[in-house]
Amino acid sequence: MQQNLRRAYHIVGIVVSQIVNVPFVAGATLTLLLFSLRPDVPQRLTGWGISMLFLMVIPALSLLFYIPRREAISRRLEPWSSTEKRQRVMSFVFMAVSYPIGFVVLKLVQAPAIFEAIMLTYVGVVLGLILINLFFKASGHAAGVAGPVSALIFFYGLIATPLIALIPLTMWARVRAKGHTVSQTIIGALLSAVVTVIVLVLYGFRPGQL
């Protein structure tokens, strides 16, 4: 009975992890911010489109690496753990390349500052994860949820506070999916939240103002 329950939790953890995958959360956040901008803001749609491309579409292509390979000798499908590990690595590579390029493109087209700032938070979080992972494994999933949630609370205040529930939900899912420990999810979430608030403040944004 306990074994079946653990297996069920494991499956639910994997499913939830995919629902709150970094590209999908980024896309939802960008779209909410788009509708919060006045229609007359210059390059509003262009900035949103570029941000969606580099924050959601390109990173989401790493999900294709969930397609298992066949082992050269046995011709059997590789173990799921190998497939999952390869996808995580490629996801990180896609993000590490896509985010900085997206930031430069937003600069070049003079997109609204909010899209540029959000892109920079993702660049900062990836750099932070690279440094932290030299010594300690941190959760990219937790970081990918905590950053956008922090940004939305920063801009929308109390009305966005229920979104905080997504952070412990993501932590639980990653632990149950056996992707991270509790401490690793906490570090990822804290890193992303701190970087996000710092970048927004440095860009001149103030709580409740977009």
C-alpha atoms as a PDB file:
ATOM      1  CA  MET A   1       0.000   0.000   0.000  1.00  0.00           C
ATOM      2  CA  GLN A   2       2.752   2.456   0.962  1.00  0.00           C
ATOM      3  CA  GLN A   3       4.719   1.541  -2.140  1.00  0.00           C
ATOM      4  CA  ASN A   4       1.703   2.241  -4.354  1.00  0.00           C
ATOM      5  CA  LEU A   5       1.170   5.555  -2.592  1.00  0.00           C
ATOM      6  CA  ARG A   6       4.800   6.554  -3.095  1.00  0.00           C
ATOM      7  CA  ARG A   7       4.553   5.628  -6.766  1.00  0.00           C
ATOM      8  CA  ALA A   8       1.376   7.698  -7.127  1.00  0.00           C
ATOM      9  CA  TYR A   9       3.053  10.677  -5.463  1.00  0.00           C
ATOM     10  CA  HIS A  10       6.033  10.232  -7.776  1.00  0.00           C
ATOM     11  CA  ILE A  11       3.816  10.317 -10.868  1.00  0.00           C
ATOM     12  CA  VAL A  12       1.876  13.324  -9.598  1.00  0.00           C
ATOM     13  CA  GLY A  13       5.177  15.060  -8.851  1.00  0.00           C
ATOM     14  CA  ILE A  14       6.351  14.512 -12.429  1.00  0.00           C
ATOM     15  CA  VAL A  15       3.060  15.777 -13.886  1.00  0.00           C
ATOM     16  CA  VAL A  16       3.021  18.905 -11.710  1.00  0.00           C
ATOM     17  CA  SER A  17       6.680  19.549 -12.549  1.00  0.00           C
ATOM     18  CA  GLN A  18       5.795  19.651 -16.240  1.00  0.00           C
ATOM     19  CA  ILE A  19       2.765  21.894 -15.706  1.00  0.00           C
ATOM     20  CA  VAL A  20       4.929  24.459 -13.896  1.00  0.00           C
ATOM     21  CA  ASN A  21       7.835  24.021 -16.299  1.00  0.00           C
ATOM     22  CA  VAL A  22       9.904  27.188 -16.656  1.00  0.00           C
ATOM     23  CA  PRO A  23       8.893  28.099 -20.251  1.00  0.00           C
ATOM     24  CA  PHE A  24       5.163  27.727 -19.538  1.00  0.00           C
ATOM     25  CA  VAL A  25       5.274  29.853 -16.390  1.00  0.00           C
ATOM     26  CA  ALA A  26       7.334  32.465 -18.244  1.00  0.00           C
ATOM     27  CA  GLY A  27       4.806  32.583 -21.082  1.00  0.00           C
ATOM     28  CA  ALA A  28       1.869  33.048 -18.712  1.00  0.00           C
ATOM     29  CA  THR A  29       3.704  35.813 -16.840  1.00  0.00           C
ATOM     30  CA  LEU A  30       4.637  37.681 -20.008  1.00  0.00           C
ATOM     31  CA  THR A  31       1.059  37.554 -21.259  1.00  0.00           C
ATOM     32  CA  LEU A  32      -0.315  38.948 -17.995  1.00  0.00           C
ATOM     33  CA  LEU A  33       2.199  41.781 -18.146  1.00  0.00           C
ATOM     34  CA  LEU A  34       1.306  42.479 -21.784  1.00  0.00           C
ATOM     35  CA  PHE A  35      -2.345  43.106 -20.909  1.00  0.00           C
ATOM     36  CA  SER A  36      -1.268  45.384 -18.071  1.00  0.00           C
ATOM     37  CA  LEU A  37       0.518  47.756 -20.451  1.00  0.00           C
ATOM     38  CA  ARG A  38      -1.360  50.582 -22.129  1.00  0.00           C
ATOM     39  CA  PRO A  39      -2.108  49.926 -25.808  1.00  0.00           C
ATOM     40  CA  ASP A  40      -0.123  53.033 -26.801  1.00  0.00           C
ATOM     41  CA  VAL A  41       3.153  51.822 -25.243  1.00  0.00           C
ATOM     42  CA  PRO A  42       5.741  51.713 -28.090  1.00  0.00           C
ATOM     43  CA  GLN A  43       6.918  48.261 -29.189  1.00  0.00           C
ATOM     44  CA  ARG A  44       4.466  46.633 -26.783  1.00  0.00           C
ATOM     45  CA  LEU A  45       3.555  43.667 -28.983  1.00  0.00           C
ATOM     46  CA  THR A  46       7.048  43.408 -30.441  1.00  0.00           C
ATOM     47  CA  GLY A  47       8.589  43.198 -26.976  1.00  0.00           C
ATOM     48  CA  TRP A  48       6.068  40.578 -25.910  1.00  0.00           C
ATOM     49  CA  GLY A  49       6.655  38.499 -29.050  1.00  0.00           C
ATOM     50  CA  ILE A  50      10.431  38.573 -28.701  1.00  0.00           C
ATOM     51  CA  SER A  51      10.196  37.733 -25.014  1.00  0.00           C
ATOM     52  CA  MET A  52       7.858  34.820 -25.725  1.00  0.00           C
ATOM     53  CA  LEU A  53      10.248  33.496 -28.360  1.00  0.00           C
ATOM     54  CA  PHE A  54      13.349  33.571 -26.173  1.00  0.00           C
ATOM     55  CA  LEU A  55      11.744  32.852 -22.794  1.00  0.00           C
ATOM     56  CA  MET A  56       9.164  30.268 -23.792  1.00  0.00           C
ATOM     57  CA  VAL A  57       9.328  28.876 -27.340  1.00  0.00           C
ATOM     58  CA  ILE A  58      13.066  28.203 -27.668  1.00  0.00           C
ATOM     59  CA  PRO A  59      13.532  26.820 -24.113  1.00  0.00           C
ATOM     60  CA  ALA A  60      10.424  24.637 -24.572  1.00  0.00           C
ATOM     61  CA  LEU A  61      12.151  22.900 -27.489  1.00  0.00           C
ATOM     62  CA  SER A  62      14.270  21.100 -24.896  1.00  0.00           C
ATOM     63  CA  LEU A  63      11.166  19.024 -24.094  1.00  0.00           C
ATOM     64  CA  LEU A  64      11.865  17.154 -27.323  1.00  0.00           C
ATOM     65  CA  PHE A  65      14.762  15.533 -25.487  1.00  0.00           C
ATOM     66  CA  TYR A  66      12.196  13.589 -23.468  1.00  0.00           C
ATOM     67  CA  ILE A  67      12.008  11.338 -26.519  1.00  0.00           C
ATOM     68  CA  PRO A  68      14.029   8.297 -25.397  1.00  0.00           C
ATOM     69  CA  ARG A  69      16.933   6.997 -27.410  1.00  0.00           C
ATOM     70  CA  ARG A  70      17.667   3.392 -28.226  1.00  0.00           C
ATOM     71  CA  GLU A  71      20.836   2.002 -26.712  1.00  0.00           C
ATOM     72  CA  ALA A  72      23.404   1.166 -29.381  1.00  0.00           C
ATOM     73  CA  ILE A  73      24.144  -2.378 -28.195  1.00  0.00           C
ATOM     74  CA  SER A  74      20.828  -3.772 -27.004  1.00  0.00           C
ATOM     75  CA  ARG A  75      18.641  -1.531 -29.194  1.00  0.00           C
ATOM     76  CA  ARG A  76      16.376  -1.186 -26.198  1.00  0.00           C
ATOM     77  CA  LEU A  77      15.026   2.121 -25.038  1.00  0.00           C
ATOM     78  CA  GLU A  78      17.342   3.835 -22.578  1.00  0.00           C
ATOM     79  CA  PRO A  79      16.303   3.982 -18.897  1.00  0.00           C
ATOM     80  CA  TRP A  80      13.911   6.806 -18.027  1.00  0.00           C
ATOM     81  CA  SER A  81      16.479   8.251 -15.607  1.00  0.00           C
ATOM     82  CA  SER A  82      18.921   8.739 -18.509  1.00  0.00           C
ATOM     83  CA  THR A  83      16.272  10.397 -20.660  1.00  0.00           C
ATOM     84  CA  GLU A  84      15.251  12.709 -17.830  1.00  0.00           C
ATOM     85  CA  LYS A  85      18.842  13.681 -17.066  1.00  0.00           C
ATOM     86  CA  ARG A  86      19.554  14.460 -20.726  1.00  0.00           C
ATOM     87  CA  GLN A  87      16.446  16.633 -20.944  1.00  0.00           C
ATOM     88  CA  ARG A  88      17.427  18.576 -17.801  1.00  0.00           C
ATOM     89  CA  VAL A  89      20.890  19.258 -19.173  1.00  0.00           C
ATOM     90  CA  MET A  90      19.590  20.372 -22.564  1.00  0.00           C
ATOM     91  CA  SER A  91      16.930  22.522 -20.932  1.00  0.00           C
ATOM     92  CA  PHE A  92      19.639  24.370 -19.021  1.00  0.00           C
ATOM     93  CA  VAL A  93      21.737  24.749 -22.189  1.00  0.00           C
ATOM     94  CA  PHE A  94      18.795  26.120 -24.178  1.00  0.00           C
ATOM     95  CA  MET A  95      18.001  28.658 -21.448  1.00  0.00           C
ATOM     96  CA  ALA A  96      21.628  29.715 -20.945  1.00  0.00           C
ATOM     97  CA  VAL A  97      21.907  30.502 -24.664  1.00  0.00           C
ATOM     98  CA  SER A  98      18.402  31.833 -25.356  1.00  0.00           C
ATOM     99  CA  TYR A  99      18.024  34.297 -22.474  1.00  0.00           C
ATOM    100  CA  PRO A 100      21.101  36.489 -23.131  1.00  0.00           C
ATOM    101  CA  ILE A 101      20.351  36.624 -26.865  1.00  0.00           C
ATOM    102  CA  GLY A 102      16.772  37.598 -26.093  1.00  0.00           C
ATOM    103  CA  PHE A 103      17.954  40.393 -23.808  1.00  0.00           C
ATOM    104  CA  VAL A 104      20.221  41.804 -26.529  1.00  0.00           C
ATOM    105  CA  VAL A 105      17.416  41.660 -29.116  1.00  0.00           C
ATOM    106  CA  LEU A 106      15.027  43.462 -26.764  1.00  0.00           C
ATOM    107  CA  LYS A 107      17.667  46.146 -26.277  1.00  0.00           C
ATOM    108  CA  LEU A 108      18.126  46.554 -30.016  1.00  0.00           C
ATOM    109  CA  VAL A 109      14.418  46.985 -30.764  1.00  0.00           C
ATOM    110  CA  GLN A 110      13.947  49.268 -27.738  1.00  0.00           C
ATOM    111  CA  ALA A 111      11.220  47.100 -26.265  1.00  0.00           C
ATOM    112  CA  PRO A 112       9.282  48.237 -23.166  1.00  0.00           C
ATOM    113  CA  ALA A 113      11.469  48.220 -20.058  1.00  0.00           C
ATOM    114  CA  ILE A 114       9.290  45.638 -18.325  1.00  0.00           C
ATOM    115  CA  PHE A 115      10.079  42.946 -20.914  1.00  0.00           C
ATOM    116  CA  GLU A 116      13.754  43.828 -20.866  1.00  0.00           C
ATOM    117  CA  ALA A 117      13.803  43.672 -17.067  1.00  0.00           C
ATOM    118  CA  ILE A 118      12.025  40.310 -16.949  1.00  0.00           C
ATOM    119  CA  MET A 119      14.454  38.880 -19.500  1.00  0.00           C
ATOM    120  CA  LEU A 120      17.376  40.146 -17.433  1.00  0.00           C
ATOM    121  CA  THR A 121      16.010  38.448 -14.316  1.00  0.00           C
ATOM    122  CA  TYR A 122      16.114  35.134 -16.155  1.00  0.00           C
ATOM    123  CA  VAL A 123      19.676  35.819 -17.298  1.00  0.00           C
ATOM    124  CA  GLY A 124      20.655  36.611 -13.714  1.00  0.00           C
ATOM    125  CA  VAL A 125      18.970  33.515 -12.319  1.00  0.00           C
ATOM    126  CA  VAL A 126      20.687  31.233 -14.844  1.00  0.00           C
ATOM    127  CA  LEU A 127      24.071  32.759 -14.003  1.00  0.00           C
ATOM    128  CA  GLY A 128      23.282  32.340 -10.313  1.00  0.00           C
ATOM    129  CA  LEU A 129      22.329  28.700 -10.804  1.00  0.00           C
ATOM    130  CA  ILE A 130      25.545  28.064 -12.719  1.00  0.00           C
ATOM    131  CA  LEU A 131      27.607  29.472  -9.858  1.00  0.00           C
ATOM    132  CA  ILE A 132      25.629  27.720  -7.135  1.00  0.00           C
ATOM    133  CA  ASN A 133      25.683  24.400  -8.947  1.00  0.00           C
ATOM    134  CA  LEU A 134      29.467  24.435  -8.829  1.00  0.00           C
ATOM    135  CA  PHE A 135      29.114  23.690  -5.122  1.00  0.00           C
ATOM    136  CA  PHE A 136      25.489  22.743  -4.472  1.00  0.00           C
ATOM    137  CA  LYS A 137      22.601  21.575  -6.641  1.00  0.00           C
ATOM    138  CA  ALA A 138      19.713  24.060  -6.786  1.00  0.00           C
ATOM    139  CA  SER A 139      16.273  23.571  -8.300  1.00  0.00           C
ATOM    140  CA  GLY A 140      15.675  25.285 -11.627  1.00  0.00           C
ATOM    141  CA  HIS A 141      11.964  24.453 -11.436  1.00  0.00           C
ATOM    142  CA  ALA A 142      11.605  26.222  -8.093  1.00  0.00           C
ATOM    143  CA  ALA A 143      13.588  29.160  -9.449  1.00  0.00           C
ATOM    144  CA  GLY A 144      11.429  29.265 -12.574  1.00  0.00           C
ATOM    145  CA  VAL A 145       8.277  29.621 -10.480  1.00  0.00           C
ATOM    146  CA  ALA A 146       9.496  31.823  -7.633  1.00  0.00           C
ATOM    147  CA  GLY A 147      10.858  34.525  -9.962  1.00  0.00           C
ATOM    148  CA  PRO A 148       7.646  35.158 -11.926  1.00  0.00           C
ATOM    149  CA  VAL A 149       5.530  34.891  -8.776  1.00  0.00           C
ATOM    150  CA  SER A 150       7.767  37.478  -7.086  1.00  0.00           C
ATOM    151  CA  ALA A 151       7.464  39.773 -10.117  1.00  0.00           C
ATOM    152  CA  LEU A 152       3.668  39.519 -10.219  1.00  0.00           C
ATOM    153  CA  ILE A 153       3.354  40.188  -6.487  1.00  0.00           C
ATOM    154  CA  PHE A 154       5.773  43.103  -6.881  1.00  0.00           C
ATOM    155  CA  PHE A 155       3.555  44.678  -9.539  1.00  0.00           C
ATOM    156  CA  TYR A 156       0.046  43.624  -8.492  1.00  0.00           C
ATOM    157  CA  GLY A 157       0.356  43.446  -4.704  1.00  0.00           C
ATOM    158  CA  LEU A 158      -2.169  41.592  -2.548  1.00  0.00           C
ATOM    159  CA  ILE A 159      -4.297  40.419  -5.461  1.00  0.00           C
ATOM    160  CA  ALA A 160      -1.379  38.268  -6.652  1.00  0.00           C
ATOM    161  CA  THR A 161      -0.399  36.819  -3.266  1.00  0.00           C
ATOM    162  CA  PRO A 162      -2.379  33.552  -3.784  1.00  0.00           C
ATOM    163  CA  LEU A 163       0.212  32.723  -6.434  1.00  0.00           C
ATOM    164  CA  ILE A 164       2.665  32.104  -3.578  1.00  0.00           C
ATOM    165  CA  ALA A 165       1.004  28.689  -3.256  1.00  0.00           C
ATOM    166  CA  LEU A 166       2.684  27.705  -6.528  1.00  0.00           C
ATOM    167  CA  ILE A 167       6.099  27.828  -4.858  1.00  0.00           C
ATOM    168  CA  PRO A 168       5.566  25.152  -2.163  1.00  0.00           C
ATOM    169  CA  LEU A 169       3.547  23.133  -4.708  1.00  0.00           C
ATOM    170  CA  THR A 170       6.535  23.147  -7.045  1.00  0.00           C
ATOM    171  CA  MET A 171       8.897  22.265  -4.210  1.00  0.00           C
ATOM    172  CA  TRP A 172       6.704  19.337  -3.217  1.00  0.00           C
ATOM    173  CA  ALA A 173       6.473  18.161  -6.830  1.00  0.00           C
ATOM    174  CA  ARG A 174      10.240  18.259  -7.354  1.00  0.00           C
ATOM    175  CA  VAL A 175      10.881  16.331  -4.155  1.00  0.00           C
ATOM    176  CA  ARG A 176       8.222  13.746  -4.988  1.00  0.00           C
ATOM    177  CA  ALA A 177       9.553  13.443  -8.535  1.00  0.00           C
ATOM    178  CA  LYS A 178      12.941  12.734  -6.937  1.00  0.00           C
ATOM    179  CA  GLY A 179      14.495  15.609  -8.837  1.00  0.00           C
ATOM    180  CA  HIS A 180      15.635  17.618  -5.812  1.00  0.00           C
ATOM    181  CA  THR A 181      15.761  17.731  -2.041  1.00  0.00           C
ATOM    182  CA  VAL A 182      13.800  20.278   0.006  1.00  0.00           C
ATOM    183  CA  SER A 183      16.921  22.384   0.611  1.00  0.00           C
ATOM    184  CA  GLN A 184      17.727  22.447  -3.107  1.00  0.00           C
ATOM    185  CA  THR A 185      14.253  23.739  -3.948  1.00  0.00           C
ATOM    186  CA  ILE A 186      14.474  26.400  -1.233  1.00  0.00           C
ATOM    187  CA  ILE A 187      17.806  27.672  -2.534  1.00  0.00           C
ATOM    188  CA  GLY A 188      16.500  27.815  -6.114  1.00  0.00           C
ATOM    189  CA  ALA A 189      13.380  29.702  -5.053  1.00  0.00           C
ATOM    190  CA  LEU A 190      15.246  32.199  -2.850  1.00  0.00           C
ATOM    191  CA  LEU A 191      17.836  32.896  -5.546  1.00  0.00           C
ATOM    192  CA  SER A 192      15.180  33.642  -8.144  1.00  0.00           C
ATOM    193  CA  ALA A 193      13.030  35.795  -5.848  1.00  0.00           C
ATOM    194  CA  VAL A 194      15.998  37.917  -4.731  1.00  0.00           C
ATOM    195  CA  VAL A 195      17.385  38.387  -8.247  1.00  0.00           C
ATOM    196  CA  THR A 196      13.951  39.321  -9.583  1.00  0.00           C
ATOM    197  CA  VAL A 197      13.282  42.006  -6.982  1.00  0.00           C
ATOM    198  CA  ILE A 198      16.789  43.459  -7.313  1.00  0.00           C
ATOM    199  CA  VAL A 199      16.542  43.724 -11.114  1.00  0.00           C
ATOM    200  CA  LEU A 200      13.083  45.322 -11.006  1.00  0.00           C
ATOM    201  CA  VAL A 201      14.222  47.903  -8.450  1.00  0.00           C
ATOM    202  CA  LEU A 202      17.383  48.684 -10.424  1.00  0.00           C
ATOM    203  CA  TYR A 203      15.224  49.269 -13.505  1.00  0.00           C
ATOM    204  CA  GLY A 204      13.314  51.895 -11.553  1.00  0.00           C
ATOM    205  CA  PHE A 205      10.102  49.972 -10.973  1.00  0.00           C
ATOM    206  CA  ARG A 206       8.306  50.371  -7.686  1.00  0.00           C
ATOM    207  CA  PRO A 207       5.883  47.978  -5.950  1.00  0.00           C
ATOM    208  CA  GLY A 208       2.399  48.365  -7.386  1.00  0.00           C
ATOM    209  CA  GLN A 209       3.644  50.317 -10.432  1.00  0.00           C
ATOM    210  CA  LEU A 210       4.024  48.889 -13.919  1.00  0.00           C
END
